[in-house]
């Protein structure tokens, strides 16, 4: 999404919640739900197995509470379903 504010361009980035399934150094296997697994870099945050993180561009950028992560994933699923993605 692109927004013009005053004379400056503002960009909005997208971060998706994922659950940490395994850790190996600065890399983690995460689950975005519905079987979507990926490897991400976790060097920017302190995580443990089972934590939920926000992932942007292959990096975990924030640790989330489980309730917040599950609510956000549910909203994403609703958006995808209404857009014909399921």
PDB file of N, CA and C in Angstrom:
ATOM      1  N   UNK A   1       0.849  -1.165   0.000  1.00  0.00           N
ATOM      2  CA  UNK A   1       0.000   0.000   0.000  1.00  0.00           C
ATOM      3  C   UNK A   1       0.895   1.228   0.000  1.00  0.00           C
ATOM      4  N   UNK A   2       0.557   2.191  -0.784  1.00  0.00           N
ATOM      5  CA  UNK A   2       1.325   3.426  -0.901  1.00  0.00           C
ATOM      6  C   UNK A   2       0.439   4.584  -0.490  1.00  0.00           C
ATOM      7  N   UNK A   3       0.973   5.422   0.362  1.00  0.00           N
ATOM      8  CA  UNK A   3       0.211   6.546   0.878  1.00  0.00           C
ATOM      9  C   UNK A   3       1.047   7.808   0.763  1.00  0.00           C
ATOM     10  N   UNK A   4       0.462   8.900   0.310  1.00  0.00           N
ATOM     11  CA  UNK A   4       1.171  10.173   0.250  1.00  0.00           C
ATOM     12  C   UNK A   4       0.776  10.982   1.479  1.00  0.00           C
ATOM     13  N   UNK A   5       1.767  11.335   2.271  1.00  0.00           N
ATOM     14  CA  UNK A   5       1.541  12.133   3.467  1.00  0.00           C
ATOM     15  C   UNK A   5       2.415  13.366   3.338  1.00  0.00           C
ATOM     16  N   UNK A   6       1.800  14.535   3.318  1.00  0.00           N
ATOM     17  CA  UNK A   6       2.526  15.779   3.044  1.00  0.00           C
ATOM     18  C   UNK A   6       3.291  15.620   1.743  1.00  0.00           C
ATOM     19  N   UNK A   7       4.607  15.828   1.790  1.00  0.00           N
ATOM     20  CA  UNK A   7       5.420  15.692   0.591  1.00  0.00           C
ATOM     21  C   UNK A   7       6.214  14.392   0.587  1.00  0.00           C
ATOM     22  N   UNK A   8       5.948  13.519   1.525  1.00  0.00           N
ATOM     23  CA  UNK A   8       6.716  12.294   1.662  1.00  0.00           C
ATOM     24  C   UNK A   8       5.865  11.089   1.308  1.00  0.00           C
ATOM     25  N   UNK A   9       6.515  10.067   0.775  1.00  0.00           N
ATOM     26  CA  UNK A   9       5.836   8.811   0.506  1.00  0.00           C
ATOM     27  C   UNK A   9       5.976   7.915   1.729  1.00  0.00           C
ATOM     28  N   UNK A  10       4.891   7.290   2.127  1.00  0.00           N
ATOM     29  CA  UNK A  10       4.901   6.368   3.258  1.00  0.00           C
ATOM     30  C   UNK A  10       4.606   4.968   2.727  1.00  0.00           C
ATOM     31  N   UNK A  11       5.382   3.996   3.141  1.00  0.00           N
ATOM     32  CA  UNK A  11       5.172   2.617   2.733  1.00  0.00           C
ATOM     33  C   UNK A  11       4.737   1.797   3.930  1.00  0.00           C
ATOM     34  N   UNK A  12       3.899   0.846   3.671  1.00  0.00           N
ATOM     35  CA  UNK A  12       3.423  -0.039   4.721  1.00  0.00           C
ATOM     36  C   UNK A  12       4.036  -1.410   4.487  1.00  0.00           C
ATOM     37  N   UNK A  13       4.658  -1.977   5.498  1.00  0.00           N
ATOM     38  CA  UNK A  13       5.234  -3.305   5.333  1.00  0.00           C
ATOM     39  C   UNK A  13       4.271  -4.345   5.902  1.00  0.00           C
ATOM     40  N   UNK A  14       4.481  -5.574   5.511  1.00  0.00           N
ATOM     41  CA  UNK A  14       3.617  -6.669   5.895  1.00  0.00           C
ATOM     42  C   UNK A  14       4.414  -7.657   6.727  1.00  0.00           C
ATOM     43  N   UNK A  15       3.909  -8.012   7.883  1.00  0.00           N
ATOM     44  CA  UNK A  15       4.534  -9.027   8.723  1.00  0.00           C
ATOM     45  C   UNK A  15       3.461 -10.035   9.112  1.00  0.00           C
ATOM     46  N   UNK A  16       3.807 -11.306   9.053  1.00  0.00           N
ATOM     47  CA  UNK A  16       2.862 -12.389   9.294  1.00  0.00           C
ATOM     48  C   UNK A  16       3.289 -13.168  10.539  1.00  0.00           C
ATOM     49  N   UNK A  17       2.328 -13.502  11.424  1.00  0.00           N
ATOM     50  CA  UNK A  17       2.660 -14.313  12.604  1.00  0.00           C
ATOM     51  C   UNK A  17       3.020 -15.747  12.226  1.00  0.00           C
ATOM     52  N   UNK A  18       3.956 -16.314  12.964  1.00  0.00           N
ATOM     53  CA  UNK A  18       4.359 -17.704  12.768  1.00  0.00           C
ATOM     54  C   UNK A  18       4.809 -18.274  14.107  1.00  0.00           C
ATOM     55  N   UNK A  19       4.690 -19.595  14.242  1.00  0.00           N
ATOM     56  CA  UNK A  19       5.093 -20.285  15.476  1.00  0.00           C
ATOM     57  C   UNK A  19       6.459 -20.935  15.277  1.00  0.00           C
ATOM     58  N   UNK A  20       7.344 -20.766  16.258  1.00  0.00           N
ATOM     59  CA  UNK A  20       8.680 -21.371  16.221  1.00  0.00           C
ATOM     60  C   UNK A  20       8.557 -22.868  16.485  1.00  0.00           C
ATOM     61  N   UNK A  21       8.981 -23.682  15.507  1.00  0.00           N
ATOM     62  CA  UNK A  21       8.932 -25.139  15.655  1.00  0.00           C
ATOM     63  C   UNK A  21      10.275 -25.722  16.050  1.00  0.00           C
ATOM     64  N   UNK A  22      11.362 -25.141  15.525  1.00  0.00           N
ATOM     65  CA  UNK A  22      12.707 -25.608  15.874  1.00  0.00           C
ATOM     66  C   UNK A  22      13.692 -24.469  15.720  1.00  0.00           C
ATOM     67  N   UNK A  23      14.795 -24.579  16.454  1.00  0.00           N
ATOM     68  CA  UNK A  23      15.836 -23.546  16.431  1.00  0.00           C
ATOM     69  C   UNK A  23      17.181 -24.177  16.138  1.00  0.00           C
ATOM     70  N   UNK A  24      17.992 -23.480  15.323  1.00  0.00           N
ATOM     71  CA  UNK A  24      19.348 -23.907  15.033  1.00  0.00           C
ATOM     72  C   UNK A  24      20.182 -22.654  14.817  1.00  0.00           C
ATOM     73  N   UNK A  25      20.849 -22.195  15.862  1.00  0.00           N
ATOM     74  CA  UNK A  25      21.627 -20.960  15.774  1.00  0.00           C
ATOM     75  C   UNK A  25      20.701 -19.774  15.543  1.00  0.00           C
ATOM     76  N   UNK A  26      20.969 -19.027  14.475  1.00  0.00           N
ATOM     77  CA  UNK A  26      20.147 -17.851  14.155  1.00  0.00           C
ATOM     78  C   UNK A  26      18.977 -18.181  13.223  1.00  0.00           C
ATOM     79  N   UNK A  27      18.772 -19.450  12.932  1.00  0.00           N
ATOM     80  CA  UNK A  27      17.694 -19.882  12.044  1.00  0.00           C
ATOM     81  C   UNK A  27      16.627 -20.634  12.840  1.00  0.00           C
ATOM     82  N   UNK A  28      15.393 -20.500  12.378  1.00  0.00           N
ATOM     83  CA  UNK A  28      14.286 -21.228  13.005  1.00  0.00           C
ATOM     84  C   UNK A  28      13.354 -21.739  11.921  1.00  0.00           C
ATOM     85  N   UNK A  29      12.812 -22.915  12.137  1.00  0.00           N
ATOM     86  CA  UNK A  29      11.732 -23.425  11.296  1.00  0.00           C
ATOM     87  C   UNK A  29      10.447 -22.907  11.923  1.00  0.00           C
ATOM     88  N   UNK A  30       9.609 -22.223  11.125  1.00  0.00           N
ATOM     89  CA  UNK A  30       8.373 -21.658  11.653  1.00  0.00           C
ATOM     90  C   UNK A  30       7.176 -22.183  10.869  1.00  0.00           C
ATOM     91  N   UNK A  31       6.023 -22.113  11.514  1.00  0.00           N
ATOM     92  CA  UNK A  31       4.759 -22.550  10.921  1.00  0.00           C
ATOM     93  C   UNK A  31       3.840 -21.346  10.825  1.00  0.00           C
ATOM     94  N   UNK A  32       3.462 -20.999   9.587  1.00  0.00           N
ATOM     95  CA  UNK A  32       2.533 -19.900   9.352  1.00  0.00           C
ATOM     96  C   UNK A  32       1.081 -20.363   9.402  1.00  0.00           C
ATOM     97  N   UNK A  33       0.864 -21.634   9.672  1.00  0.00           N
ATOM     98  CA  UNK A  33      -0.482 -22.200   9.710  1.00  0.00           C
ATOM     99  C   UNK A  33      -0.811 -22.912   8.421  1.00  0.00           C
ATOM    100  N   UNK A  34      -1.741 -23.830   8.492  1.00  0.00           N
ATOM    101  CA  UNK A  34      -2.214 -24.601   7.344  1.00  0.00           C
ATOM    102  C   UNK A  34      -1.068 -25.294   6.605  1.00  0.00           C
ATOM    103  N   UNK A  35      -0.060 -25.731   7.361  1.00  0.00           N
ATOM    104  CA  UNK A  35       1.041 -26.490   6.772  1.00  0.00           C
ATOM    105  C   UNK A  35       2.094 -25.681   6.051  1.00  0.00           C
ATOM    106  N   UNK A  36       2.071 -24.370   6.157  1.00  0.00           N
ATOM    107  CA  UNK A  36       3.064 -23.525   5.497  1.00  0.00           C
ATOM    108  C   UNK A  36       4.262 -23.360   6.438  1.00  0.00           C
ATOM    109  N   UNK A  37       5.357 -24.053   6.118  1.00  0.00           N
ATOM    110  CA  UNK A  37       6.573 -24.025   6.931  1.00  0.00           C
ATOM    111  C   UNK A  37       7.674 -23.300   6.174  1.00  0.00           C
ATOM    112  N   UNK A  38       8.460 -22.524   6.894  1.00  0.00           N
ATOM    113  CA  UNK A  38       9.574 -21.797   6.289  1.00  0.00           C
ATOM    114  C   UNK A  38      10.708 -21.678   7.305  1.00  0.00           C
ATOM    115  N   UNK A  39      11.919 -21.424   6.789  1.00  0.00           N
ATOM    116  CA  UNK A  39      13.060 -21.109   7.639  1.00  0.00           C
ATOM    117  C   UNK A  39      13.205 -19.601   7.680  1.00  0.00           C
ATOM    118  N   UNK A  40      13.347 -19.046   8.880  1.00  0.00           N
ATOM    119  CA  UNK A  40      13.525 -17.599   9.031  1.00  0.00           C
ATOM    120  C   UNK A  40      14.713 -17.314   9.942  1.00  0.00           C
ATOM    121  N   UNK A  41      15.219 -16.105   9.839  1.00  0.00           N
ATOM    122  CA  UNK A  41      16.311 -15.644  10.677  1.00  0.00           C
ATOM    123  C   UNK A  41      15.734 -15.054  11.953  1.00  0.00           C
ATOM    124  N   UNK A  42      16.240 -15.481  13.114  1.00  0.00           N
ATOM    125  CA  UNK A  42      15.727 -15.001  14.407  1.00  0.00           C
ATOM    126  C   UNK A  42      16.774 -14.207  15.174  1.00  0.00           C
ATOM    127  N   UNK A  43      17.778 -13.705  14.482  1.00  0.00           N
ATOM    128  CA  UNK A  43      18.868 -12.993  15.154  1.00  0.00           C
ATOM    129  C   UNK A  43      18.433 -11.658  15.757  1.00  0.00           C
ATOM    130  N   UNK A  44      17.289 -11.123  15.360  1.00  0.00           N
ATOM    131  CA  UNK A  44      16.837  -9.818  15.855  1.00  0.00           C
ATOM    132  C   UNK A  44      16.007  -9.904  17.131  1.00  0.00           C
ATOM    133  N   UNK A  45      15.601 -11.116  17.516  1.00  0.00           N
ATOM    134  CA  UNK A  45      14.729 -11.290  18.684  1.00  0.00           C
ATOM    135  C   UNK A  45      15.205 -12.472  19.518  1.00  0.00           C
ATOM    136  N   UNK A  46      14.801 -12.486  20.774  1.00  0.00           N
ATOM    137  CA  UNK A  46      15.082 -13.629  21.646  1.00  0.00           C
ATOM    138  C   UNK A  46      13.860 -14.522  21.668  1.00  0.00           C
ATOM    139  N   UNK A  47      14.022 -15.768  21.188  1.00  0.00           N
ATOM    140  CA  UNK A  47      12.891 -16.677  21.079  1.00  0.00           C
ATOM    141  C   UNK A  47      13.211 -18.032  21.694  1.00  0.00           C
ATOM    142  N   UNK A  48      12.157 -18.749  22.023  1.00  0.00           N
ATOM    143  CA  UNK A  48      12.261 -20.136  22.463  1.00  0.00           C
ATOM    144  C   UNK A  48      11.250 -20.953  21.672  1.00  0.00           C
ATOM    145  N   UNK A  49      11.390 -22.257  21.713  1.00  0.00           N
ATOM    146  CA  UNK A  49      10.454 -23.134  21.016  1.00  0.00           C
ATOM    147  C   UNK A  49       9.027 -22.836  21.461  1.00  0.00           C
ATOM    148  N   UNK A  50       8.121 -22.771  20.490  1.00  0.00           N
ATOM    149  CA  UNK A  50       6.715 -22.528  20.786  1.00  0.00           C
ATOM    150  C   UNK A  50       6.317 -21.068  20.777  1.00  0.00           C
ATOM    151  N   UNK A  51       7.301 -20.162  20.773  1.00  0.00           N
ATOM    152  CA  UNK A  51       6.976 -18.733  20.695  1.00  0.00           C
ATOM    153  C   UNK A  51       6.335 -18.403  19.358  1.00  0.00           C
ATOM    154  N   UNK A  52       5.550 -17.335  19.334  1.00  0.00           N
ATOM    155  CA  UNK A  52       5.015 -16.779  18.103  1.00  0.00           C
ATOM    156  C   UNK A  52       5.773 -15.498  17.793  1.00  0.00           C
ATOM    157  N   UNK A  53       6.117 -15.326  16.525  1.00  0.00           N
ATOM    158  CA  UNK A  53       6.855 -14.141  16.096  1.00  0.00           C
ATOM    159  C   UNK A  53       6.194 -13.534  14.872  1.00  0.00           C
ATOM    160  N   UNK A  54       6.436 -12.245  14.660  1.00  0.00           N
ATOM    161  CA  UNK A  54       6.057 -11.596  13.411  1.00  0.00           C
ATOM    162  C   UNK A  54       7.229 -11.741  12.458  1.00  0.00           C
ATOM    163  N   UNK A  55       6.956 -12.187  11.232  1.00  0.00           N
ATOM    164  CA  UNK A  55       8.006 -12.406  10.241  1.00  0.00           C
ATOM    165  C   UNK A  55       7.818 -11.440   9.088  1.00  0.00           C
ATOM    166  N   UNK A  56       8.895 -10.738   8.752  1.00  0.00           N
ATOM    167  CA  UNK A  56       8.908  -9.825   7.608  1.00  0.00           C
ATOM    168  C   UNK A  56      10.184 -10.066   6.823  1.00  0.00           C
ATOM    169  N   UNK A  57      10.047 -10.320   5.541  1.00  0.00           N
ATOM    170  CA  UNK A  57      11.186 -10.490   4.629  1.00  0.00           C
ATOM    171  C   UNK A  57      12.186 -11.529   5.139  1.00  0.00           C
ATOM    172  N   UNK A  58      11.668 -12.617   5.724  1.00  0.00           N
ATOM    173  CA  UNK A  58      12.535 -13.696   6.167  1.00  0.00           C
ATOM    174  C   UNK A  58      13.156 -13.517   7.534  1.00  0.00           C
ATOM    175  N   UNK A  59      12.784 -12.448   8.242  1.00  0.00           N
ATOM    176  CA  UNK A  59      13.318 -12.181   9.573  1.00  0.00           C
ATOM    177  C   UNK A  59      12.187 -12.110  10.594  1.00  0.00           C
ATOM    178  N   UNK A  60      12.395 -12.736  11.751  1.00  0.00           N
ATOM    179  CA  UNK A  60      11.487 -12.558  12.880  1.00  0.00           C
ATOM    180  C   UNK A  60      11.816 -11.194  13.470  1.00  0.00           C
ATOM    181  N   UNK A  61      10.805 -10.314  13.538  1.00  0.00           N
ATOM    182  CA  UNK A  61      11.075  -8.943  13.975  1.00  0.00           C
ATOM    183  C   UNK A  61      10.453  -8.607  15.323  1.00  0.00           C
ATOM    184  N   UNK A  62       9.576  -9.476  15.830  1.00  0.00           N
ATOM    185  CA  UNK A  62       8.929  -9.207  17.112  1.00  0.00           C
ATOM    186  C   UNK A  62       8.333 -10.498  17.644  1.00  0.00           C
ATOM    187  N   UNK A  63       8.393 -10.682  18.960  1.00  0.00           N
ATOM    188  CA  UNK A  63       7.738 -11.813  19.609  1.00  0.00           C
ATOM    189  C   UNK A  63       6.326 -11.380  19.982  1.00  0.00           C
ATOM    190  N   UNK A  64       5.355 -12.275  19.746  1.00  0.00           N
ATOM    191  CA  UNK A  64       3.944 -11.987  20.034  1.00  0.00           C
ATOM    192  C   UNK A  64       3.404 -12.907  21.114  1.00  0.00           C
ATOM    193  N   UNK A  65       2.386 -12.435  21.815  1.00  0.00           N
ATOM    194  CA  UNK A  65       1.634 -13.309  22.693  1.00  0.00           C
ATOM    195  C   UNK A  65       0.842 -14.280  21.812  1.00  0.00           C
ATOM    196  N   UNK A  66       0.663 -15.505  22.283  1.00  0.00           N
ATOM    197  CA  UNK A  66      -0.040 -16.517  21.491  1.00  0.00           C
ATOM    198  C   UNK A  66      -1.443 -16.066  21.084  1.00  0.00           C
ATOM    199  N   UNK A  67      -2.179 -15.466  22.012  1.00  0.00           N
ATOM    200  CA  UNK A  67      -3.551 -15.026  21.719  1.00  0.00           C
ATOM    201  C   UNK A  67      -3.566 -14.033  20.562  1.00  0.00           C
ATOM    202  N   UNK A  68      -2.673 -13.046  20.598  1.00  0.00           N
ATOM    203  CA  UNK A  68      -2.605 -12.036  19.538  1.00  0.00           C
ATOM    204  C   UNK A  68      -2.234 -12.671  18.197  1.00  0.00           C
ATOM    205  N   UNK A  69      -1.278 -13.601  18.227  1.00  0.00           N
ATOM    206  CA  UNK A  69      -0.846 -14.263  16.993  1.00  0.00           C
ATOM    207  C   UNK A  69      -1.994 -15.067  16.383  1.00  0.00           C
ATOM    208  N   UNK A  70      -2.711 -15.821  17.209  1.00  0.00           N
ATOM    209  CA  UNK A  70      -3.814 -16.640  16.695  1.00  0.00           C
ATOM    210  C   UNK A  70      -4.956 -15.789  16.165  1.00  0.00           C
ATOM    211  N   UNK A  71      -5.237 -14.669  16.819  1.00  0.00           N
ATOM    212  CA  UNK A  71      -6.274 -13.756  16.324  1.00  0.00           C
ATOM    213  C   UNK A  71      -5.881 -13.179  14.965  1.00  0.00           C
ATOM    214  N   UNK A  72      -4.616 -12.793  14.822  1.00  0.00           N
ATOM    215  CA  UNK A  72      -4.137 -12.232  13.561  1.00  0.00           C
ATOM    216  C   UNK A  72      -4.178 -13.271  12.450  1.00  0.00           C
ATOM    217  N   UNK A  73      -3.752 -14.502  12.744  1.00  0.00           N
ATOM    218  CA  UNK A  73      -3.809 -15.568  11.745  1.00  0.00           C
ATOM    219  C   UNK A  73      -5.248 -15.844  11.326  1.00  0.00           C
ATOM    220  N   UNK A  74      -6.175 -15.793  12.265  1.00  0.00           N
ATOM    221  CA  UNK A  74      -7.585 -15.994  11.949  1.00  0.00           C
ATOM    222  C   UNK A  74      -8.096 -14.911  11.008  1.00  0.00           C
ATOM    223  N   UNK A  75      -7.709 -13.663  11.278  1.00  0.00           N
ATOM    224  CA  UNK A  75      -8.096 -12.559  10.393  1.00  0.00           C
ATOM    225  C   UNK A  75      -7.527 -12.745   8.991  1.00  0.00           C
ATOM    226  N   UNK A  76      -6.265 -13.171   8.890  1.00  0.00           N
ATOM    227  CA  UNK A  76      -5.663 -13.422   7.580  1.00  0.00           C
ATOM    228  C   UNK A  76      -6.435 -14.503   6.835  1.00  0.00           C
ATOM    229  N   UNK A  77      -6.813 -15.577   7.558  1.00  0.00           N
ATOM    230  CA  UNK A  77      -7.570 -16.647   6.918  1.00  0.00           C
ATOM    231  C   UNK A  77      -8.912 -16.134   6.407  1.00  0.00           C
ATOM    232  N   UNK A  78      -9.556 -15.256   7.162  1.00  0.00           N
ATOM    233  CA  UNK A  78     -10.824 -14.659   6.734  1.00  0.00           C
ATOM    234  C   UNK A  78     -10.631 -13.819   5.457  1.00  0.00           C
ATOM    235  N   UNK A  79      -9.555 -13.027   5.434  1.00  0.00           N
ATOM    236  CA  UNK A  79      -9.275 -12.199   4.264  1.00  0.00           C
ATOM    237  C   UNK A  79      -9.046 -13.079   3.039  1.00  0.00           C
ATOM    238  N   UNK A  80      -8.232 -14.126   3.205  1.00  0.00           N
ATOM    239  CA  UNK A  80      -7.947 -15.020   2.077  1.00  0.00           C
ATOM    240  C   UNK A  80      -9.208 -15.727   1.599  1.00  0.00           C
ATOM    241  N   UNK A  81     -10.040 -16.163   2.532  1.00  0.00           N
ATOM    242  CA  UNK A  81     -11.277 -16.846   2.164  1.00  0.00           C
ATOM    243  C   UNK A  81     -12.218 -15.916   1.398  1.00  0.00           C
ATOM    244  N   UNK A  82     -12.333 -14.680   1.840  1.00  0.00           N
ATOM    245  CA  UNK A  82     -13.235 -13.743   1.169  1.00  0.00           C
ATOM    246  C   UNK A  82     -12.693 -13.301  -0.194  1.00  0.00           C
ATOM    247  N   UNK A  83     -11.366 -13.429  -0.377  1.00  0.00           N
ATOM    248  CA  UNK A  83     -10.760 -13.077  -1.655  1.00  0.00           C
ATOM    249  C   UNK A  83     -10.701 -14.268  -2.603  1.00  0.00           C
ATOM    250  N   UNK A  84     -11.241 -15.395  -2.154  1.00  0.00           N
ATOM    251  CA  UNK A  84     -11.235 -16.583  -2.991  1.00  0.00           C
ATOM    252  C   UNK A  84      -9.954 -17.370  -2.923  1.00  0.00           C
ATOM    253  N   UNK A  85      -9.149 -17.119  -1.889  1.00  0.00           N
ATOM    254  CA  UNK A  85      -7.864 -17.802  -1.756  1.00  0.00           C
ATOM    255  C   UNK A  85      -7.942 -19.192  -1.165  1.00  0.00           C
ATOM    256  N   UNK A  86      -9.104 -19.631  -0.733  1.00  0.00           N
ATOM    257  CA  UNK A  86      -9.251 -20.986  -0.180  1.00  0.00           C
ATOM    258  C   UNK A  86     -10.269 -21.759  -0.944  1.00  0.00           C
TER     259      UNK A  86
END
